[in-house]
Amino acid sequence: MLGWAILLAASLIWPAATRAQTASPPLILEAKIPLGQVSGRIDHLGIDVKRQRLLVAELGNNSLSVVDLAAGKVLSRIAGLSEPQGVAYVPSSDSVFVANADDGSVRVLRGADLAPIGRIELADDADNIRVDSARNRVLVGYGKGALGLIDPVSLAKIADIRLKAHPEGFQIDETGTQVFVNVPDVREISVVDLATGSTGSLPVQGAGSNFPMAIDGEAHRVLVAFRSPPTLMALSSQDGHVVAKAETCGDADDVFVDRKRRRVYVSCGQGAVDVLESVEQGYRRLARVPTAPGARTALFVPELDRLFVAVRAASNEPAAIWVFRPAS
């Protein structure tokens, strides 16, 4: 009888253990696209969905790589930039905007052939770029505290929105009327009314180094990843109250919402992507997917259903774009 009891217990435990061991991770590494001779830090990524081109701001290399995702290779590299940070494709004008930290310029390239077509001078540390499609404007964070508003047709700066310090990650909300801005130097999340330019702020509850941000439009939430301590904080985009908190990987630099799967991806310089799922109480970690140390820049593209992670060159890894496919 004792023998049969042991066998029965084993028969119940073994299938569960086997399922746990063989279950697919929520992100599957599908490909590594080499970037070639690229040295130093890689900053933000952009996407031209129509042409399936990934835009890679190679800050340490003073260049912009254009990756042909269909072919799985670098299509071209644009040299002579000045510490490029932010990069964005603007569909309305079929152009690419590249913000440069060192000289504060925004270089504009034609979408089709990537020929230079304009340059806007801001100030030092031109950084993140977002496209305000509703008003056909390009927003660029720069300097000691401003969002520059640029007309993508005339290629001229038309206004500034002043902030208390240099802006890092920022996002336009689901209504298109507000922009939420991480201002880590003053431990603040600024809220800007895009119609009037007036600003307010949201609490950070003692957390610091708030760099990446995402908008969950369906849940009406602003997701902010803090580095100190490593935390994901979800705030209501309607009244600013804290909805939920969750621990994340260290040195977070990008955060994205996968609406199809109700998941959040947090890309971290410690060499991992945290995959969190939305639950009733907040967020629960599904997995910590390994990448490479220092690989904190990423981009999730819902139209292609892929997460791209930029891996800088290291002794054991060449510079590359790692392509992850979300598991259903």
Protein backbone atom coordinates (compact mmCIF):
# COMPACT_ATOMS: atom_id res chain seq x y z
CA MET A 1 0.00 0.00 0.00
CA LEU A 2 2.87 2.35 0.83
CA GLY A 3 4.44 1.61 -2.54
CA TRP A 4 1.20 2.35 -4.38
CA ALA A 5 0.81 5.64 -2.44
CA ILE A 6 4.31 6.72 -3.47
CA LEU A 7 3.63 5.86 -7.11
CA LEU A 8 0.31 7.73 -7.04
CA ALA A 9 1.93 10.83 -5.54
CA ALA A 10 4.70 10.70 -8.14
CA SER A 11 2.15 10.38 -10.95
CA LEU A 12 0.46 13.55 -9.77
CA ILE A 13 3.65 15.55 -9.23
CA TRP A 14 5.53 14.51 -12.39
CA PRO A 15 3.14 15.99 -15.03
CA ALA A 16 3.02 19.32 -13.16
CA ALA A 17 6.81 19.44 -12.90
CA THR A 18 7.15 18.52 -16.57
CA ARG A 19 4.71 21.27 -17.59
CA ALA A 20 6.64 23.82 -15.52
CA GLN A 21 9.95 22.79 -17.12
CA THR A 22 8.65 22.74 -20.69
CA ALA A 23 6.41 25.82 -20.56
CA SER A 24 7.42 28.41 -23.14
CA PRO A 25 8.84 31.69 -21.84
CA PRO A 26 6.67 34.75 -22.53
CA LEU A 27 9.39 36.17 -24.81
CA ILE A 28 11.23 33.96 -27.29
CA LEU A 29 14.54 35.08 -28.82
CA GLU A 30 13.85 34.80 -32.53
CA ALA A 31 16.93 36.41 -34.13
CA LYS A 32 20.06 38.49 -33.59
CA ILE A 33 20.68 41.13 -36.26
CA PRO A 34 24.33 42.23 -36.23
CA LEU A 35 24.97 45.97 -36.33
CA GLY A 36 28.57 45.68 -37.50
CA GLN A 37 31.35 47.94 -36.26
CA VAL A 38 29.43 49.97 -33.68
CA SER A 39 31.13 51.04 -30.47
CA GLY A 40 29.79 52.62 -27.31
CA ARG A 41 26.33 53.25 -25.98
CA ILE A 42 23.18 52.74 -28.01
CA ASP A 43 20.32 55.05 -27.10
CA HIS A 44 16.73 55.12 -28.36
CA LEU A 45 15.07 53.16 -31.17
CA GLY A 46 12.43 54.22 -33.69
CA ILE A 47 10.35 52.42 -36.30
CA ASP A 48 9.20 53.06 -39.84
CA VAL A 49 6.47 50.40 -39.91
CA LYS A 50 5.55 50.93 -43.57
CA ARG A 51 9.08 50.12 -44.75
CA GLN A 52 9.83 47.73 -41.84
CA ARG A 53 12.89 49.74 -40.87
CA LEU A 54 14.23 49.92 -37.34
CA LEU A 55 16.07 53.16 -36.55
CA VAL A 56 18.96 52.81 -34.09
CA ALA A 57 20.48 55.89 -32.41
CA GLU A 58 24.11 54.90 -31.85
CA LEU A 59 25.10 57.64 -29.41
CA GLY A 60 28.64 56.42 -28.72
CA ASN A 61 29.30 55.95 -32.42
CA ASN A 62 27.79 59.30 -33.55
CA SER A 63 25.69 57.44 -36.10
CA LEU A 64 22.21 56.21 -36.97
CA SER A 65 21.77 52.67 -38.24
CA VAL A 66 18.80 51.76 -40.40
CA VAL A 67 17.94 48.08 -40.08
CA ASP A 68 15.91 46.32 -42.76
CA LEU A 69 13.82 43.98 -40.61
CA ALA A 70 12.50 41.95 -43.54
CA ALA A 71 16.04 41.21 -44.74
CA GLY A 72 17.48 40.99 -41.22
CA LYS A 73 20.44 43.27 -41.90
CA VAL A 74 21.67 46.86 -41.69
CA LEU A 75 20.45 48.77 -44.73
CA SER A 76 22.59 51.86 -44.17
CA ARG A 77 24.47 53.82 -41.53
CA ILE A 78 24.34 57.62 -41.32
CA ALA A 79 27.54 59.02 -39.83
CA GLY A 80 28.51 62.51 -38.71
CA LEU A 81 25.84 62.94 -36.05
CA SER A 82 26.50 64.44 -32.61
CA GLU A 83 25.61 61.92 -29.90
CA PRO A 84 22.19 60.96 -31.29
CA GLN A 85 19.66 60.10 -28.61
CA GLY A 86 16.01 60.33 -29.66
CA VAL A 87 14.80 59.11 -33.04
CA ALA A 88 11.29 58.98 -34.50
CA TYR A 89 9.60 58.41 -37.83
CA VAL A 90 6.88 60.98 -38.62
CA PRO A 91 4.27 59.47 -41.00
CA SER A 92 2.52 62.75 -41.89
CA SER A 93 5.69 64.19 -43.44
CA ASP A 94 7.40 60.85 -44.26
CA SER A 95 10.51 61.96 -42.41
CA VAL A 96 12.88 60.82 -39.68
CA PHE A 97 13.78 63.12 -36.77
CA VAL A 98 17.04 62.56 -34.88
CA ALA A 99 17.80 64.51 -31.66
CA ASN A 100 21.49 65.07 -30.87
CA ALA A 101 22.71 65.49 -27.30
CA ASP A 102 26.08 67.10 -27.94
CA ASP A 103 25.12 70.03 -30.17
CA GLY A 104 21.40 70.20 -29.35
CA SER A 105 20.33 69.88 -32.97
CA VAL A 106 17.47 67.91 -34.47
CA ARG A 107 18.44 66.51 -37.87
CA VAL A 108 15.63 65.65 -40.28
CA LEU A 109 15.96 62.96 -42.97
CA ARG A 110 13.66 62.11 -45.85
CA GLY A 111 11.88 58.84 -45.17
CA ALA A 112 12.38 57.22 -48.56
CA ASP A 113 16.14 57.60 -49.04
CA LEU A 114 17.23 59.07 -45.68
CA ALA A 115 18.75 62.12 -47.34
CA PRO A 116 19.13 65.16 -45.03
CA ILE A 117 16.36 67.71 -45.55
CA GLY A 118 16.55 69.97 -42.51
CA ARG A 119 18.06 70.89 -39.15
CA ILE A 120 16.48 72.57 -36.15
CA GLU A 121 18.69 74.10 -33.47
CA LEU A 122 17.45 73.66 -29.92
CA ALA A 123 19.98 73.66 -27.07
CA ASP A 124 22.22 71.13 -25.38
CA ASP A 125 21.05 67.60 -24.63
CA ALA A 126 18.29 67.17 -27.21
CA ASP A 127 16.84 63.83 -26.13
CA ASN A 128 13.50 62.00 -26.36
CA ILE A 129 11.13 62.54 -29.30
CA ARG A 130 7.38 61.95 -29.51
CA VAL A 131 4.92 62.59 -32.34
CA ASP A 132 1.72 64.49 -31.55
CA SER A 133 -0.37 63.13 -34.42
CA ALA A 134 -3.53 65.01 -33.42
CA ARG A 135 -1.84 68.39 -33.85
CA ASN A 136 0.79 67.30 -36.38
CA ARG A 137 3.69 68.34 -34.18
CA VAL A 138 6.93 66.76 -33.04
CA LEU A 139 7.85 67.08 -29.36
CA VAL A 140 11.52 67.02 -28.34
CA GLY A 141 12.79 67.12 -24.76
CA TYR A 142 15.95 69.14 -24.36
CA GLY A 143 18.17 71.43 -22.32
CA LYS A 144 17.74 72.26 -18.66
CA GLY A 145 13.98 71.89 -18.87
CA ALA A 146 11.85 72.19 -22.01
CA LEU A 147 9.77 70.41 -24.58
CA GLY A 148 10.32 71.95 -27.99
CA LEU A 149 7.31 71.85 -30.34
CA ILE A 150 8.33 71.47 -34.00
CA ASP A 151 6.24 71.76 -37.16
CA PRO A 152 7.26 68.73 -39.29
CA VAL A 153 6.27 70.55 -42.51
CA SER A 154 8.08 73.87 -42.10
CA LEU A 155 10.79 72.23 -39.95
CA ALA A 156 10.70 75.12 -37.50
CA LYS A 157 10.32 75.26 -33.73
CA ILE A 158 7.00 76.90 -33.02
CA ALA A 159 6.93 76.93 -29.21
CA ASP A 160 8.51 75.75 -25.95
CA ILE A 161 6.89 74.20 -22.91
CA ARG A 162 9.02 74.98 -19.88
CA LEU A 163 9.76 72.39 -17.18
CA LYS A 164 11.66 72.47 -13.88
CA ALA A 165 14.59 70.36 -15.14
CA HIS A 166 15.72 68.19 -18.04
CA PRO A 167 12.93 65.89 -19.28
CA GLU A 168 13.57 62.19 -19.74
CA GLY A 169 10.88 59.76 -20.91
CA PHE A 170 7.53 61.33 -21.78
CA GLN A 171 4.31 60.14 -23.38
CA ILE A 172 1.09 61.62 -24.76
CA ASP A 173 -1.97 60.17 -23.04
CA GLU A 174 -4.74 58.14 -24.65
CA THR A 175 -6.93 61.20 -25.15
CA GLY A 176 -4.21 63.17 -26.93
CA THR A 177 -4.74 66.14 -24.63
CA GLN A 178 -2.01 65.69 -22.01
CA VAL A 179 1.65 64.78 -21.99
CA PHE A 180 3.21 63.13 -18.94
CA VAL A 181 6.91 63.86 -18.45
CA ASN A 182 9.52 62.24 -16.22
CA VAL A 183 11.71 64.93 -14.64
CA PRO A 184 14.04 62.86 -12.43
CA ASP A 185 16.36 65.67 -11.32
CA VAL A 186 13.49 67.18 -9.29
CA ARG A 187 11.80 63.82 -8.51
CA GLU A 188 8.69 64.77 -10.41
CA ILE A 189 6.24 63.60 -13.05
CA SER A 190 5.04 66.70 -14.85
CA VAL A 191 1.63 66.85 -16.51
CA VAL A 192 1.27 69.25 -19.43
CA ASP A 193 -2.00 70.37 -21.01
CA LEU A 194 -1.21 70.35 -24.74
CA ALA A 195 -3.93 72.87 -25.55
CA THR A 196 -2.89 75.53 -23.03
CA GLY A 197 0.69 74.59 -22.14
CA SER A 198 -0.12 74.72 -18.42
CA THR A 199 1.70 72.24 -16.18
CA GLY A 200 1.04 70.31 -12.99
CA SER A 201 2.75 67.41 -11.24
CA LEU A 202 2.13 63.95 -9.82
CA PRO A 203 3.70 62.45 -6.68
CA VAL A 204 6.53 59.91 -6.90
CA GLN A 205 6.13 58.72 -3.28
CA GLY A 206 9.82 58.88 -2.43
CA ALA A 207 11.02 56.95 -5.49
CA GLY A 208 13.74 58.39 -7.73
CA SER A 209 15.46 58.12 -11.11
CA ASN A 210 12.21 57.91 -13.06
CA PHE A 211 13.40 57.57 -16.66
CA PRO A 212 11.10 55.37 -18.83
CA MET A 213 7.35 55.76 -19.15
CA ALA A 214 4.45 54.19 -21.05
CA ILE A 215 0.71 54.82 -21.38
CA ASP A 216 -1.83 52.03 -20.93
CA GLY A 217 -4.74 53.69 -22.69
CA GLU A 218 -7.26 50.93 -22.09
CA ALA A 219 -6.63 50.93 -18.34
CA HIS A 220 -6.21 54.74 -18.23
CA ARG A 221 -2.83 54.35 -16.55
CA VAL A 222 0.57 56.01 -16.72
CA LEU A 223 3.31 53.44 -16.12
CA VAL A 224 6.57 54.82 -14.75
CA ALA A 225 9.69 52.74 -14.10
CA PHE A 226 11.98 54.00 -11.33
CA ARG A 227 15.59 52.93 -10.84
CA SER A 228 15.78 53.86 -7.15
CA PRO A 229 14.39 51.57 -5.91
CA PRO A 230 13.68 49.41 -9.01
CA THR A 231 9.91 49.81 -9.17
CA LEU A 232 7.09 50.00 -11.68
CA MET A 233 4.44 52.47 -10.54
CA ALA A 234 1.03 52.71 -12.21
CA LEU A 235 -0.84 56.00 -11.82
CA SER A 236 -4.30 56.94 -13.00
CA SER A 237 -4.09 59.15 -16.09
CA GLN A 238 -7.37 60.75 -15.01
CA ASP A 239 -6.64 61.89 -11.45
CA GLY A 240 -3.02 60.85 -10.80
CA HIS A 241 -3.56 58.51 -7.84
CA VAL A 242 -1.25 55.50 -7.49
CA VAL A 243 -3.07 52.38 -8.69
CA ALA A 244 -0.37 49.74 -8.20
CA LYS A 245 3.34 49.11 -7.65
CA ALA A 246 5.61 46.20 -8.57
CA GLU A 247 9.30 45.41 -8.18
CA THR A 248 11.30 45.34 -11.44
CA CYS A 249 14.77 44.62 -12.72
CA GLY A 250 17.52 47.20 -12.16
CA ASP A 251 18.57 50.14 -14.37
CA ALA A 252 15.27 50.31 -16.28
CA ASP A 253 15.41 52.35 -19.48
CA ASP A 254 12.31 51.38 -21.44
CA VAL A 255 8.80 50.19 -20.59
CA PHE A 256 6.05 49.08 -22.97
CA VAL A 257 2.45 47.88 -22.85
CA ASP A 258 1.45 44.78 -24.81
CA ARG A 259 -2.30 45.36 -24.96
CA LYS A 260 -3.01 42.13 -26.81
CA ARG A 261 -1.70 40.04 -23.90
CA ARG A 262 -2.27 42.52 -21.05
CA ARG A 263 1.45 42.47 -20.32
CA VAL A 264 4.14 45.01 -19.56
CA TYR A 265 7.77 44.74 -20.70
CA VAL A 266 10.49 46.53 -18.70
CA SER A 267 13.92 46.56 -20.34
CA CYS A 268 16.82 46.91 -17.89
CA GLY A 269 20.55 47.53 -18.07
CA GLN A 270 21.22 44.76 -15.58
CA GLY A 271 20.72 42.46 -18.57
CA ALA A 272 17.08 41.43 -18.48
CA VAL A 273 13.55 42.18 -19.61
CA ASP A 274 10.92 41.81 -16.92
CA VAL A 275 7.60 40.52 -18.22
CA LEU A 276 4.70 41.52 -15.97
CA GLU A 277 1.06 40.62 -16.39
CA SER A 278 -1.85 42.75 -15.30
CA VAL A 279 -3.85 41.15 -12.51
CA GLU A 280 -6.67 42.43 -10.35
CA GLN A 281 -4.33 43.48 -7.54
CA GLY A 282 -1.80 45.16 -9.85
CA TYR A 283 1.05 43.43 -11.69
CA ARG A 284 2.67 40.03 -11.31
CA ARG A 285 6.00 39.04 -12.82
CA LEU A 286 5.68 36.21 -15.32
CA ALA A 287 9.38 35.96 -16.12
CA ARG A 288 12.72 37.70 -16.10
CA VAL A 289 14.09 37.12 -19.60
CA PRO A 290 17.89 37.41 -19.87
CA THR A 291 19.47 39.72 -22.45
CA ALA A 292 23.00 41.14 -21.99
CA PRO A 293 24.55 43.52 -19.43
CA GLY A 294 24.01 47.13 -20.50
CA ALA A 295 21.29 46.20 -23.02
CA ARG A 296 18.65 48.53 -21.67
CA THR A 297 17.34 50.20 -24.85
CA ALA A 298 14.34 48.49 -26.42
CA LEU A 299 11.25 49.04 -28.55
CA PHE A 300 8.02 47.08 -28.66
CA VAL A 301 6.21 47.40 -32.00
CA PRO A 302 2.60 46.15 -31.77
CA GLU A 303 2.13 46.27 -35.55
CA LEU A 304 4.95 43.74 -35.96
CA ASP A 305 4.29 42.00 -32.62
CA ARG A 306 7.98 42.05 -31.77
CA LEU A 307 10.21 43.44 -29.00
CA PHE A 308 13.58 44.74 -30.20
CA VAL A 309 16.46 45.03 -27.71
CA ALA A 310 19.67 46.89 -28.58
CA VAL A 311 22.79 45.10 -27.33
CA ARG A 312 25.96 47.17 -27.29
CA ALA A 313 29.31 45.67 -28.25
CA ALA A 314 31.11 43.86 -25.41
CA SER A 315 33.95 41.37 -25.09
CA ASN A 316 31.61 38.43 -25.50
CA GLU A 317 28.84 39.99 -27.63
CA PRO A 318 28.99 42.05 -30.84
CA ALA A 319 26.62 45.00 -31.22
CA ALA A 320 23.28 43.65 -32.39
CA ILE A 321 19.52 43.95 -32.29
CA TRP A 322 17.95 41.02 -30.51
CA VAL A 323 14.45 40.25 -31.78
CA PHE A 324 12.00 38.73 -29.31
CA ARG A 325 8.65 37.22 -30.27
CA PRO A 326 5.98 37.31 -27.54
CA ALA A 327 4.45 33.92 -26.79
CA SER A 328 0.67 33.85 -26.85
